[in-house]
C-alpha atoms as a PDB file:
ATOM      1  CA  MET A   1       2.749-130.016 -27.205  1.00  0.00           C
ATOM      2  CA  ARG A   2       2.100-131.493 -30.649  1.00  0.00           C
ATOM      3  CA  LYS A   3      -1.295-131.812 -32.272  1.00  0.00           C
ATOM      4  CA  PRO A   4      -3.437-134.622 -30.828  1.00  0.00           C
ATOM      5  CA  LEU A   5      -3.101-138.147 -32.155  1.00  0.00           C
ATOM      6  CA  PHE A   6      -5.786-140.835 -32.180  1.00  0.00           C
ATOM      7  CA  LYS A   7      -5.321-144.584 -31.847  1.00  0.00           C
ATOM      8  CA  ILE A   8      -6.270-146.695 -34.870  1.00  0.00           C
ATOM      9  CA  ARG A   9      -6.378-150.411 -35.580  1.00  0.00           C
ATOM     10  CA  LYS A  10      -5.399-152.339 -38.713  1.00  0.00           C
ATOM     11  CA  ASN A  11      -4.926-156.096 -38.974  1.00  0.00           C
ATOM     12  CA  SER A  12      -5.030-156.319 -35.160  1.00  0.00           C
ATOM     13  CA  LYS A  13      -2.126-153.871 -34.857  1.00  0.00           C
ATOM     14  CA  PHE A  14      -2.321-150.352 -33.459  1.00  0.00           C
ATOM     15  CA  GLY A  15      -0.997-147.024 -34.655  1.00  0.00           C
ATOM     16  CA  PHE A  16      -2.132-143.375 -34.742  1.00  0.00           C
ATOM     17  CA  ILE A  17      -3.709-140.756 -36.996  1.00  0.00           C
ATOM     18  CA  ASP A  18      -3.923-136.986 -36.717  1.00  0.00           C
ATOM     19  CA  ALA A  19      -7.198-135.030 -36.560  1.00  0.00           C
ATOM     20  CA  GLU A  20      -7.407-134.917 -40.367  1.00  0.00           C
ATOM     21  CA  GLY A  21      -7.253-138.715 -40.605  1.00  0.00           C
ATOM     22  CA  THR A  22      -3.694-138.886 -41.907  1.00  0.00           C
ATOM     23  CA  VAL A  23      -1.672-141.792 -40.540  1.00  0.00           C
ATOM     24  CA  ALA A  24       1.035-140.363 -38.276  1.00  0.00           C
ATOM     25  CA  ILE A  25       2.353-143.647 -36.832  1.00  0.00           C
ATOM     26  CA  GLU A  26       1.765-146.806 -38.832  1.00  0.00           C
ATOM     27  CA  PRO A  27      -0.189-149.599 -37.101  1.00  0.00           C
ATOM     28  CA  GLN A  28       2.537-151.977 -35.935  1.00  0.00           C
ATOM     29  CA  TYR A  29       2.057-152.565 -32.194  1.00  0.00           C
ATOM     30  CA  ILE A  30       0.027-155.352 -30.590  1.00  0.00           C
ATOM     31  CA  ASP A  31      -1.201-152.867 -27.966  1.00  0.00           C
ATOM     32  CA  ALA A  32      -1.035-149.114 -27.433  1.00  0.00           C
ATOM     33  CA  ASP A  33      -2.368-146.531 -24.981  1.00  0.00           C
ATOM     34  CA  ASP A  34      -3.865-143.175 -25.901  1.00  0.00           C
ATOM     35  CA  PHE A  35      -1.384-140.297 -25.765  1.00  0.00           C
ATOM     36  CA  HIS A  36      -0.908-138.468 -22.469  1.00  0.00           C
ATOM     37  CA  ASN A  37       1.487-135.533 -22.095  1.00  0.00           C
ATOM     38  CA  ASP A  38       2.888-136.208 -25.580  1.00  0.00           C
ATOM     39  CA  PHE A  39       3.575-139.914 -24.981  1.00  0.00           C
ATOM     40  CA  SER A  40       1.812-143.215 -25.564  1.00  0.00           C
ATOM     41  CA  ARG A  41       2.872-146.565 -24.155  1.00  0.00           C
ATOM     42  CA  VAL A  42       3.091-149.465 -26.598  1.00  0.00           C
ATOM     43  CA  THR A  43       3.857-153.143 -26.275  1.00  0.00           C
ATOM     44  CA  PHE A  44       7.156-153.911 -27.997  1.00  0.00           C
ATOM     45  CA  ASN A  45       8.912-157.282 -27.641  1.00  0.00           C
ATOM     46  CA  ASN A  46       6.460-158.063 -24.807  1.00  0.00           C
ATOM     47  CA  ASN A  47       7.556-154.954 -22.916  1.00  0.00           C
ATOM     48  CA  LEU A  48       5.787-151.672 -22.187  1.00  0.00           C
ATOM     49  CA  VAL A  49       7.740-148.883 -23.909  1.00  0.00           C
ATOM     50  CA  PRO A  50       7.042-145.112 -24.154  1.00  0.00           C
ATOM     51  CA  LEU A  51       6.374-143.853 -27.675  1.00  0.00           C
ATOM     52  CA  ASP A  52       6.617-140.153 -28.512  1.00  0.00           C
ATOM     53  CA  SER A  53       4.354-138.307 -30.944  1.00  0.00           C
ATOM     54  CA  TYR A  54       6.985-138.611 -33.698  1.00  0.00           C
ATOM     55  CA  GLY A  55       6.771-142.407 -33.471  1.00  0.00           C
ATOM     56  CA  ARG A  56      10.091-142.835 -31.650  1.00  0.00           C
ATOM     57  CA  LEU A  57      10.473-145.467 -28.939  1.00  0.00           C
ATOM     58  CA  LEU A  58      12.285-144.588 -25.705  1.00  0.00           C
ATOM     59  CA  LEU A  59      14.207-147.826 -25.775  1.00  0.00           C
ATOM     60  CA  LYS A  60      17.379-147.332 -23.797  1.00  0.00           C
ATOM     61  CA  ARG A  61      16.343-150.091 -21.409  1.00  0.00           C
ATOM     62  CA  TYR A  62      13.444-152.495 -20.991  1.00  0.00           C
ATOM     63  CA  TYR A  63      11.411-152.136 -17.818  1.00  0.00           C
ATOM     64  CA  ARG A  64       8.820-154.344 -16.198  1.00  0.00           C
ATOM     65  CA  TYR A  65       6.526-151.321 -15.966  1.00  0.00           C
ATOM     66  CA  VAL A  66       6.597-147.757 -17.280  1.00  0.00           C
ATOM     67  CA  GLY A  67       4.209-145.085 -15.979  1.00  0.00           C
ATOM     68  CA  TYR A  68       2.967-141.931 -17.650  1.00  0.00           C
ATOM     69  CA  PHE A  69       5.079-138.806 -17.795  1.00  0.00           C
ATOM     70  CA  GLU A  70       4.076-136.321 -15.107  1.00  0.00           C
ATOM     71  CA  GLU A  71       6.053-133.118 -14.663  1.00  0.00           C
ATOM     72  CA  GLY A  72       8.606-134.478 -17.136  1.00  0.00           C
ATOM     73  CA  LEU A  73       9.364-137.767 -15.380  1.00  0.00           C
ATOM     74  CA  ALA A  74       7.867-141.256 -15.550  1.00  0.00           C
ATOM     75  CA  ARG A  75       8.212-143.930 -12.891  1.00  0.00           C
ATOM     76  CA  VAL A  76       9.668-147.253 -14.016  1.00  0.00           C
ATOM     77  CA  GLN A  77       9.979-150.674 -12.423  1.00  0.00           C
ATOM     78  CA  LEU A  78      12.878-153.035 -13.007  1.00  0.00           C
ATOM     79  CA  LEU A  79      12.279-156.428 -11.401  1.00  0.00           C
ATOM     80  CA  ASN A  80      10.808-155.276  -8.060  1.00  0.00           C
ATOM     81  CA  ASP A  81      12.327-151.829  -7.565  1.00  0.00           C
ATOM     82  CA  TRP A  82      11.383-148.400  -8.919  1.00  0.00           C
ATOM     83  CA  GLY A  83      13.096-145.330 -10.341  1.00  0.00           C
ATOM     84  CA  TYR A  84      12.374-142.589 -12.902  1.00  0.00           C
ATOM     85  CA  ILE A  85      13.200-141.798 -16.519  1.00  0.00           C
ATOM     86  CA  ASP A  86      13.097-138.452 -18.330  1.00  0.00           C
ATOM     87  CA  ARG A  87      11.475-137.672 -21.677  1.00  0.00           C
ATOM     88  CA  ARG A  88      14.577-138.922 -23.515  1.00  0.00           C
ATOM     89  CA  GLY A  89      14.484-142.282 -21.789  1.00  0.00           C
ATOM     90  CA  ASN A  90      17.427-141.548 -19.504  1.00  0.00           C
ATOM     91  CA  GLU A  91      17.231-143.116 -16.050  1.00  0.00           C
ATOM     92  CA  VAL A  92      17.679-139.891 -14.104  1.00  0.00           C
ATOM     93  CA  ILE A  93      16.662-141.294 -10.716  1.00  0.00           C
ATOM     94  CA  PRO A  94      18.125-144.791 -10.326  1.00  0.00           C
ATOM     95  CA  VAL A  95      15.933-147.819  -9.714  1.00  0.00           C
ATOM     96  CA  GLN A  96      16.220-148.242  -5.959  1.00  0.00           C
ATOM     97  CA  TYR A  97      12.809-147.823  -4.288  1.00  0.00           C
ATOM     98  CA  ILE A  98      10.286-150.379  -3.066  1.00  0.00           C
ATOM     99  CA  ASP A  99       7.514-148.099  -4.324  1.00  0.00           C
ATOM    100  CA  ALA A 100       7.327-144.842  -6.273  1.00  0.00           C
ATOM    101  CA  GLN A 101       4.466-142.577  -7.346  1.00  0.00           C
ATOM    102  CA  ASP A 102       4.061-139.819  -9.938  1.00  0.00           C
ATOM    103  CA  PHE A 103       5.509-136.359  -9.386  1.00  0.00           C
ATOM    104  CA  LYS A 104       3.053-133.697  -8.262  1.00  0.00           C
ATOM    105  CA  GLU A 105       3.899-130.130  -7.276  1.00  0.00           C
ATOM    106  CA  GLY A 106       7.565-130.977  -7.679  1.00  0.00           C
ATOM    107  CA  LYS A 107       7.561-133.899  -5.237  1.00  0.00           C
ATOM    108  CA  ALA A 108       7.047-137.664  -5.532  1.00  0.00           C
ATOM    109  CA  VAL A 109       6.211-140.300  -2.939  1.00  0.00           C
ATOM    110  CA  ILE A 110       8.807-143.063  -2.641  1.00  0.00           C
ATOM    111  CA  ALA A 111       9.222-145.998  -0.273  1.00  0.00           C
ATOM    112  CA  THR A 112      12.231-147.815   1.158  1.00  0.00           C
ATOM    113  CA  GLU A 113      12.500-150.463   3.847  1.00  0.00           C
ATOM    114  CA  GLU A 114      12.401-147.603   6.382  1.00  0.00           C
ATOM    115  CA  GLY A 115       9.024-146.297   5.170  1.00  0.00           C
ATOM    116  CA  TYR A 116       7.477-143.695   2.853  1.00  0.00           C
ATOM    117  CA  GLY A 117       8.950-140.285   2.120  1.00  0.00           C
ATOM    118  CA  PHE A 118       9.283-137.710  -0.665  1.00  0.00           C
ATOM    119  CA  ILE A 119      11.942-136.872  -3.246  1.00  0.00           C
ATOM    120  CA  ASN A 120      12.678-133.879  -5.488  1.00  0.00           C
ATOM    121  CA  PRO A 121      12.950-134.149  -9.304  1.00  0.00           C
ATOM    122  CA  ASP A 122      16.750-134.349  -9.063  1.00  0.00           C
ATOM    123  CA  GLY A 123      16.411-137.438  -6.862  1.00  0.00           C
ATOM    124  CA  SER A 124      17.417-135.708  -3.637  1.00  0.00           C
ATOM    125  CA  ILE A 125      15.443-136.464  -0.491  1.00  0.00           C
ATOM    126  CA  PHE A 126      12.786-133.877   0.381  1.00  0.00           C
ATOM    127  CA  ILE A 127      11.369-135.704   3.414  1.00  0.00           C
ATOM    128  CA  PRO A 128      13.135-138.863   4.610  1.00  0.00           C
ATOM    129  CA  PRO A 129      11.157-142.112   4.331  1.00  0.00           C
ATOM    130  CA  PHE A 130       9.805-142.718   7.816  1.00  0.00           C
ATOM    131  CA  PHE A 131       6.017-142.561   7.325  1.00  0.00           C
ATOM    132  CA  GLU A 132       3.889-145.724   7.204  1.00  0.00           C
ATOM    133  CA  ASN A 133       2.272-144.487   3.977  1.00  0.00           C
ATOM    134  CA  ALA A 134       1.892-141.264   2.014  1.00  0.00           C
ATOM    135  CA  GLY A 135       0.041-139.577  -0.853  1.00  0.00           C
ATOM    136  CA  ALA A 136       0.692-136.801  -3.347  1.00  0.00           C
ATOM    137  CA  PHE A 137       1.222-133.135  -2.577  1.00  0.00           C
ATOM    138  CA  ASN A 138      -1.596-130.802  -3.596  1.00  0.00           C
ATOM    139  CA  ASN A 139      -2.314-127.296  -2.309  1.00  0.00           C
ATOM    140  CA  GLY A 140       1.022-127.565  -0.492  1.00  0.00           C
ATOM    141  CA  LEU A 141      -0.104-130.504   1.655  1.00  0.00           C
ATOM    142  CA  ALA A 142       0.336-134.275   1.381  1.00  0.00           C
ATOM    143  CA  PRO A 143      -1.447-137.072   3.259  1.00  0.00           C
ATOM    144  CA  ILE A 144       0.786-139.163   5.504  1.00  0.00           C
ATOM    145  CA  SER A 145       0.240-142.053   7.915  1.00  0.00           C
ATOM    146  CA  LYS A 146       1.816-142.525  11.366  1.00  0.00           C
ATOM    147  CA  ASP A 147       0.757-145.098  13.957  1.00  0.00           C
ATOM    148  CA  LYS A 148      -1.977-146.305  11.558  1.00  0.00           C
ATOM    149  CA  THR A 149      -3.564-142.849  11.570  1.00  0.00           C
ATOM    150  CA  TRP A 150      -3.594-140.323   8.733  1.00  0.00           C
ATOM    151  CA  GLY A 151      -2.949-136.591   8.660  1.00  0.00           C
ATOM    152  CA  TYR A 152      -1.013-134.126   6.455  1.00  0.00           C
ATOM    153  CA  VAL A 153       2.523-132.849   6.103  1.00  0.00           C
ATOM    154  CA  GLY A 154       3.295-129.398   4.669  1.00  0.00           C
ATOM    155  CA  GLU A 155       5.944-128.079   2.312  1.00  0.00           C
ATOM    156  CA  ASN A 156       7.855-126.908   5.384  1.00  0.00           C
ATOM    157  CA  LYS A 157       8.357-130.642   6.103  1.00  0.00           C
ATOM    158  CA  ARG A 158       6.368-130.402   9.340  1.00  0.00           C
ATOM    159  CA  ILE A 159       3.072-132.014  10.274  1.00  0.00           C
ATOM    160  CA  ALA A 160       0.447-129.469   9.216  1.00  0.00           C
ATOM    161  CA  ILE A 161      -2.698-131.388  10.205  1.00  0.00           C
ATOM    162  CA  GLN A 162      -2.338-133.900  13.005  1.00  0.00           C
ATOM    163  CA  PRO A 163      -3.052-137.570  12.155  1.00  0.00           C
ATOM    164  CA  GLN A 164      -6.580-138.447  13.311  1.00  0.00           C
ATOM    165  CA  TRP A 165      -8.320-140.310  10.475  1.00  0.00           C
ATOM    166  CA  GLU A 166      -8.341-143.846   9.072  1.00  0.00           C
ATOM    167  CA  LEU A 167      -7.463-142.501   5.625  1.00  0.00           C
ATOM    168  CA  CYS A 168      -6.804-139.144   3.971  1.00  0.00           C
ATOM    169  CA  GLU A 169      -6.844-138.299   0.268  1.00  0.00           C
ATOM    170  CA  PRO A 170      -4.806-135.549  -1.448  1.00  0.00           C
ATOM    171  CA  PHE A 171      -6.324-132.087  -1.449  1.00  0.00           C
ATOM    172  CA  GLN A 172      -8.232-130.827  -4.475  1.00  0.00           C
ATOM    173  CA  ASN A 173      -8.776-127.086  -4.774  1.00  0.00           C
ATOM    174  CA  GLY A 174      -8.769-126.503  -1.043  1.00  0.00           C
ATOM    175  CA  VAL A 175     -10.726-129.520   0.202  1.00  0.00           C
ATOM    176  CA  ALA A 176      -9.804-133.126   0.959  1.00  0.00           C
ATOM    177  CA  VAL A 177     -11.590-136.380   1.694  1.00  0.00           C
ATOM    178  CA  VAL A 178     -11.001-137.953   5.111  1.00  0.00           C
ATOM    179  CA  VAL A 179     -12.314-141.318   6.290  1.00  0.00           C
ATOM    180  CA  LYS A 180     -13.534-142.683   9.623  1.00  0.00           C
ATOM    181  CA  ASN A 181     -15.530-145.853  10.247  1.00  0.00           C
ATOM    182  CA  LYS A 182     -15.765-146.522   6.485  1.00  0.00           C
ATOM    183  CA  HIS A 183     -17.473-143.161   5.914  1.00  0.00           C
ATOM    184  CA  TRP A 184     -16.001-140.055   4.296  1.00  0.00           C
ATOM    185  CA  GLY A 185     -16.252-136.352   4.931  1.00  0.00           C
ATOM    186  CA  LEU A 186     -14.418-133.178   3.899  1.00  0.00           C
ATOM    187  CA  ILE A 187     -11.851-130.907   5.542  1.00  0.00           C
ATOM    188  CA  ASP A 188     -10.276-127.608   4.508  1.00  0.00           C
ATOM    189  CA  THR A 189      -6.548-126.849   4.418  1.00  0.00           C
ATOM    190  CA  SER A 190      -6.576-125.867   8.102  1.00  0.00           C
ATOM    191  CA  GLY A 191      -7.854-129.340   9.023  1.00  0.00           C
ATOM    192  CA  ALA A 192     -11.311-128.068  10.006  1.00  0.00           C
ATOM    193  CA  GLU A 193     -14.194-130.336   9.066  1.00  0.00           C
ATOM    194  CA  ILE A 194     -16.456-128.976   6.362  1.00  0.00           C
ATOM    195  CA  ILE A 195     -18.633-132.033   6.831  1.00  0.00           C
ATOM    196  CA  PRO A 196     -17.902-134.945   9.203  1.00  0.00           C
ATOM    197  CA  PRO A 197     -17.455-138.436   7.762  1.00  0.00           C
ATOM    198  CA  ILE A 198     -21.124-139.288   7.140  1.00  0.00           C
ATOM    199  CA  TYR A 199     -21.128-140.639   3.583  1.00  0.00           C
ATOM    200  CA  GLU A 200     -20.596-144.329   2.982  1.00  0.00           C
ATOM    201  CA  LEU A 201     -17.280-145.205   1.354  1.00  0.00           C
ATOM    202  CA  ILE A 202     -18.142-147.230  -1.749  1.00  0.00           C
ATOM    203  CA  GLU A 203     -15.668-149.016  -4.027  1.00  0.00           C
ATOM    204  CA  HIS A 204     -15.558-147.992  -7.695  1.00  0.00           C
ATOM    205  CA  ILE A 205     -17.210-144.642  -6.889  1.00  0.00           C
ATOM    206  CA  PRO A 206     -15.149-141.392  -6.893  1.00  0.00           C
ATOM    207  CA  ASN A 207     -15.935-140.700  -3.221  1.00  0.00           C
ATOM    208  CA  GLY A 208     -15.587-136.963  -2.677  1.00  0.00           C
ATOM    209  CA  ASN A 209     -13.798-136.220  -5.956  1.00  0.00           C
ATOM    210  CA  PHE A 210     -14.938-132.830  -7.227  1.00  0.00           C
ATOM    211  CA  TYR A 211     -15.636-132.024 -10.838  1.00  0.00           C
ATOM    212  CA  GLU A 212     -16.906-128.524 -11.597  1.00  0.00           C
ATOM    213  CA  ASP A 213     -17.559-127.937  -7.877  1.00  0.00           C
ATOM    214  CA  ARG A 214     -19.729-131.038  -7.518  1.00  0.00           C
ATOM    215  CA  ALA A 215     -18.923-134.387  -5.870  1.00  0.00           C
ATOM    216  CA  ILE A 216     -21.031-137.525  -5.994  1.00  0.00           C
ATOM    217  CA  ILE A 217     -22.635-138.749  -2.772  1.00  0.00           C
ATOM    218  CA  VAL A 218     -24.551-141.984  -2.237  1.00  0.00           C
ATOM    219  CA  GLN A 219     -27.262-142.406   0.389  1.00  0.00           C
ATOM    220  CA  ALA A 220     -29.650-145.365   0.573  1.00  0.00           C
ATOM    221  CA  GLU A 221     -28.150-146.522  -2.760  1.00  0.00           C
ATOM    222  CA  LYS A 222     -29.195-143.291  -4.487  1.00  0.00           C
ATOM    223  CA  PHE A 223     -26.795-140.837  -6.126  1.00  0.00           C
ATOM    224  CA  GLY A 224     -26.722-137.086  -5.597  1.00  0.00           C
ATOM    225  CA  PHE A 225     -24.165-134.263  -5.321  1.00  0.00           C
ATOM    226  CA  ILE A 226     -22.629-131.921  -2.764  1.00  0.00           C
ATOM    227  CA  GLY A 227     -20.635-128.714  -3.214  1.00  0.00           C
ATOM    228  CA  LYS A 228     -17.288-127.808  -1.672  1.00  0.00           C
ATOM    229  CA  ASP A 229     -19.154-126.057   1.113  1.00  0.00           C
ATOM    230  CA  GLY A 230     -20.419-129.499   2.157  1.00  0.00           C
ATOM    231  CA  LYS A 231     -24.038-128.651   1.379  1.00  0.00           C
ATOM    232  CA  VAL A 232     -26.207-131.015  -0.636  1.00  0.00           C
ATOM    233  CA  LYS A 233     -26.753-129.422  -4.040  1.00  0.00           C
ATOM    234  CA  ILE A 234     -28.690-132.286  -5.654  1.00  0.00           C
ATOM    235  CA  THR A 235     -30.649-134.615  -3.378  1.00  0.00           C
ATOM    236  CA  PRO A 236     -29.742-138.315  -3.824  1.00  0.00           C
ATOM    237  CA  GLN A 237     -32.434-139.661  -6.154  1.00  0.00           C
ATOM    238  CA  PHE A 238     -30.701-141.360  -9.074  1.00  0.00           C
ATOM    239  CA  ASP A 239     -29.691-144.991  -9.549  1.00  0.00           C
ATOM    240  CA  PHE A 240     -26.389-143.750 -10.994  1.00  0.00           C
ATOM    241  CA  ALA A 241     -24.717-140.425 -11.694  1.00  0.00           C
ATOM    242  CA  GLY A 242     -21.561-139.468 -13.564  1.00  0.00           C
ATOM    243  CA  ASP A 243     -19.133-136.642 -12.926  1.00  0.00           C
ATOM    244  CA  PHE A 244     -20.049-133.174 -14.156  1.00  0.00           C
ATOM    245  CA  ASN A 245     -18.469-131.935 -17.373  1.00  0.00           C
ATOM    246  CA  GLU A 246     -19.494-128.829 -19.300  1.00  0.00           C
ATOM    247  CA  GLY A 247     -22.084-128.213 -16.589  1.00  0.00           C
ATOM    248  CA  ILE A 248     -23.882-131.487 -17.288  1.00  0.00           C
ATOM    249  CA  SER A 249     -23.997-134.887 -15.559  1.00  0.00           C
ATOM    250  CA  LEU A 250     -25.174-138.226 -16.911  1.00  0.00           C
ATOM    251  CA  VAL A 251     -27.779-139.851 -14.658  1.00  0.00           C
ATOM    252  CA  GLU A 252     -29.724-143.117 -14.595  1.00  0.00           C
ATOM    253  CA  LYS A 253     -33.208-143.798 -13.291  1.00  0.00           C
ATOM    254  CA  ASP A 254     -35.267-146.967 -13.755  1.00  0.00           C
ATOM    255  CA  GLU A 255     -32.677-148.348 -16.198  1.00  0.00           C
ATOM    256  CA  LEU A 256     -32.877-145.312 -18.500  1.00  0.00           C
ATOM    257  CA  PHE A 257     -30.351-142.494 -18.927  1.00  0.00           C
ATOM    258  CA  GLY A 258     -30.554-138.741 -19.313  1.00  0.00           C
ATOM    259  CA  PHE A 259     -28.743-135.575 -18.252  1.00  0.00           C
ATOM    260  CA  ILE A 260     -29.076-132.972 -15.497  1.00  0.00           C
ATOM    261  CA  ASN A 261     -27.600-129.521 -14.947  1.00  0.00           C
ATOM    262  CA  LYS A 262     -25.810-128.346 -11.799  1.00  0.00           C
ATOM    263  CA  ALA A 263     -29.099-127.302 -10.225  1.00  0.00           C
ATOM    264  CA  GLY A 264     -30.336-130.884 -10.536  1.00  0.00           C
ATOM    265  CA  ASN A 265     -32.886-130.117 -13.221  1.00  0.00           C
ATOM    266  CA  GLN A 266     -33.317-132.530 -16.114  1.00  0.00           C
ATOM    267  CA  PHE A 267     -31.318-130.985 -18.915  1.00  0.00           C
ATOM    268  CA  ILE A 268     -32.221-133.740 -21.358  1.00  0.00           C
ATOM    269  CA  SER A 269     -34.991-136.103 -20.340  1.00  0.00           C
ATOM    270  CA  ILE A 270     -34.233-139.581 -19.023  1.00  0.00           C
ATOM    271  CA  GLN A 271     -35.085-141.683 -22.063  1.00  0.00           C
ATOM    272  CA  TYR A 272     -31.999-143.441 -23.454  1.00  0.00           C
ATOM    273  CA  GLU A 273     -30.998-147.097 -23.124  1.00  0.00           C
ATOM    274  CA  ASP A 274     -27.407-146.060 -22.395  1.00  0.00           C
ATOM    275  CA  ALA A 275     -25.271-142.956 -22.694  1.00  0.00           C
ATOM    276  CA  GLY A 276     -21.859-141.404 -22.165  1.00  0.00           C
ATOM    277  CA  GLY A 277     -21.007-137.976 -20.859  1.00  0.00           C
ATOM    278  CA  PHE A 278     -20.951-134.689 -22.744  1.00  0.00           C
ATOM    279  CA  ASN A 279     -17.671-133.416 -24.129  1.00  0.00           C
ATOM    280  CA  GLU A 280     -17.129-130.775 -26.781  1.00  0.00           C
ATOM    281  CA  GLY A 281     -20.845-130.137 -26.799  1.00  0.00           C
ATOM    282  CA  ILE A 282     -22.065-133.605 -27.808  1.00  0.00           C
ATOM    283  CA  ALA A 283     -22.667-136.936 -26.081  1.00  0.00           C
ATOM    284  CA  PRO A 284     -23.000-140.562 -27.243  1.00  0.00           C
ATOM    285  CA  VAL A 285     -26.400-142.134 -26.514  1.00  0.00           C
ATOM    286  CA  ARG A 286     -28.098-145.416 -27.415  1.00  0.00           C
ATOM    287  CA  GLN A 287     -31.615-145.949 -28.717  1.00  0.00           C
ATOM    288  CA  GLN A 288     -33.126-149.214 -29.947  1.00  0.00           C
ATOM    289  CA  GLY A 289     -29.772-150.916 -29.539  1.00  0.00           C
ATOM    290  CA  LYS A 290     -27.814-148.457 -31.696  1.00  0.00           C
ATOM    291  CA  TRP A 291     -25.511-145.592 -30.750  1.00  0.00           C
ATOM    292  CA  GLY A 292     -25.410-142.056 -32.093  1.00  0.00           C
ATOM    293  CA  TYR A 293     -24.755-138.551 -30.755  1.00  0.00           C
ATOM    294  CA  ILE A 294     -26.892-135.687 -29.480  1.00  0.00           C
ATOM    295  CA  ASP A 295     -26.161-132.015 -28.781  1.00  0.00           C
ATOM    296  CA  LYS A 296     -27.025-130.047 -25.653  1.00  0.00           C
ATOM    297  CA  MET A 297     -30.499-129.345 -26.987  1.00  0.00           C
ATOM    298  CA  GLY A 298     -31.138-133.080 -27.215  1.00  0.00           C
ATOM    299  CA  ASN A 299     -31.039-132.967 -31.010  1.00  0.00           C
ATOM    300  CA  GLN A 300     -29.554-135.878 -32.928  1.00  0.00           C
ATOM    301  CA  VAL A 301     -26.352-134.706 -34.605  1.00  0.00           C
ATOM    302  CA  ILE A 302     -24.973-138.099 -35.683  1.00  0.00           C
ATOM    303  CA  PRO A 303     -27.444-140.864 -36.601  1.00  0.00           C
ATOM    304  CA  PHE A 304     -28.129-143.877 -34.397  1.00  0.00           C
ATOM    305  CA  GLN A 305     -26.405-146.625 -36.375  1.00  0.00           C
ATOM    306  CA  TYR A 306     -23.305-147.777 -34.489  1.00  0.00           C
ATOM    307  CA  ALA A 307     -22.607-150.770 -32.259  1.00  0.00           C
ATOM    308  CA  GLU A 308     -20.541-148.577 -29.897  1.00  0.00           C
ATOM    309  CA  ALA A 309     -19.622-144.900 -29.590  1.00  0.00           C
ATOM    310  CA  GLN A 310     -17.147-143.058 -27.374  1.00  0.00           C
ATOM    311  CA  MET A 311     -17.056-139.499 -26.082  1.00  0.00           C
ATOM    312  CA  PHE A 312     -15.588-136.895 -28.423  1.00  0.00           C
ATOM    313  CA  ARG A 313     -12.143-135.539 -27.694  1.00  0.00           C
ATOM    314  CA  ASN A 314     -10.027-133.090 -29.677  1.00  0.00           C
ATOM    315  CA  GLY A 315     -12.671-132.916 -32.393  1.00  0.00           C
ATOM    316  CA  LEU A 316     -13.144-136.609 -33.149  1.00  0.00           C
ATOM    317  CA  GLY A 317     -15.288-139.448 -31.840  1.00  0.00           C
ATOM    318  CA  LEU A 318     -14.461-143.149 -32.137  1.00  0.00           C
ATOM    319  CA  VAL A 319     -17.338-145.401 -33.190  1.00  0.00           C
ATOM    320  CA  ILE A 320     -17.562-149.110 -33.925  1.00  0.00           C
ATOM    321  CA  THR A 321     -19.738-150.208 -36.808  1.00  0.00           C
ATOM    322  CA  GLN A 322     -22.182-153.096 -36.718  1.00  0.00           C
ATOM    323  CA  ASN A 323     -19.549-155.333 -38.333  1.00  0.00           C
ATOM    324  CA  GLY A 324     -16.985-154.451 -35.651  1.00  0.00           C
ATOM    325  CA  LYS A 325     -14.849-151.959 -37.585  1.00  0.00           C
ATOM    326  CA  TRP A 326     -13.411-148.766 -36.097  1.00  0.00           C
ATOM    327  CA  GLN A 327     -14.236-145.347 -37.530  1.00  0.00           C
ATOM    328  CA  TYR A 328     -13.459-141.787 -36.495  1.00  0.00           C
ATOM    329  CA  LEU A 329     -16.084-139.096 -37.060  1.00  0.00           C
ATOM    330  CA  ASN A 330     -15.960-135.327 -36.779  1.00  0.00           C
ATOM    331  CA  SER A 331     -18.714-133.381 -35.038  1.00  0.00           C
ATOM    332  CA  LYS A 332     -20.666-133.158 -38.299  1.00  0.00           C
ATOM    333  CA  GLY A 333     -20.754-136.938 -38.518  1.00  0.00           C
ATOM    334  CA  GLU A 334     -18.296-136.988 -41.411  1.00  0.00           C
ATOM    335  CA  MET A 335     -15.920-139.940 -41.451  1.00  0.00           C
ATOM    336  CA  VAL A 336     -12.254-138.926 -41.316  1.00  0.00           C
ATOM    337  CA  TRP A 337     -10.807-142.446 -41.017  1.00  0.00           C
ATOM    338  CA  LYS A 338     -12.087-146.008 -41.169  1.00  0.00           C
ATOM    339  CA  GLU A 339     -10.618-149.430 -40.509  1.00  0.00           C
ATOM    340  CA  ASP A 340     -10.282-151.606 -43.619  1.00  0.00           C
END
């Protein structure tokens, strides 16, 4: 994997710099994604095209849609059907499926007119497409739907957990979300309930997704957290809560933001007009309408002077000045690149 690259803007075109601020790919695209697994996706001739970290386009064929590379393959759509390309742009699994998902644990969900099934990276059939729906393999199990009811299939191609729920999500580190009556609960890999479906399923909330052994729950419109044992670790009490990262979660109360630790104690007092999560030891926060950064002691490390500020990643943070220009800062607040 090459050194990280960061998206920049110049004259309404996008390119990339390295962590030292040197231009690695000249701004020339009308749109571009951040890099993921060594590839970006850029708009070229009104098409979405993969771009590698050397600035080379994978342009052997235009596709209606190109996904991200996962386990060396990216799903692509031509007209209405789907296939896969490799990291050289070769169509290694022909466009032929009604639907196709990313590879995970060496398998990918595909769909034909017969139903949903799974394929191997060489395109061979792992499980024939006869399910009503399916999700990704994780922990050796994948959610599948039969007769409008969800359960799990195993790597032995047999039903491992009998269908009995309205919806099942892929496993994550030994637990999975299952849904009944628009409420979610958790099961283990044997299918035993850790907690029954008692938490309301809410759109735009990562229902049951665990980050650092904590998952958000919402009760009576208040946010809290449970652990993988199903026990409430932080009583629902916040108007909003973000996922844990570096042992810290962003929370909101009475339209102000602060941070808590995994015990639920206020790590940094709830006092900011807005905030983003901690990453690499610092977090963007807003005071008196301007953004800056604080450390885990709550100390200001980059002054409050920006119109916008994003979380740090790979040593740099993107900020937008009061006149709308992009800048990248290092953790000392030193500018390594700025938009003209």
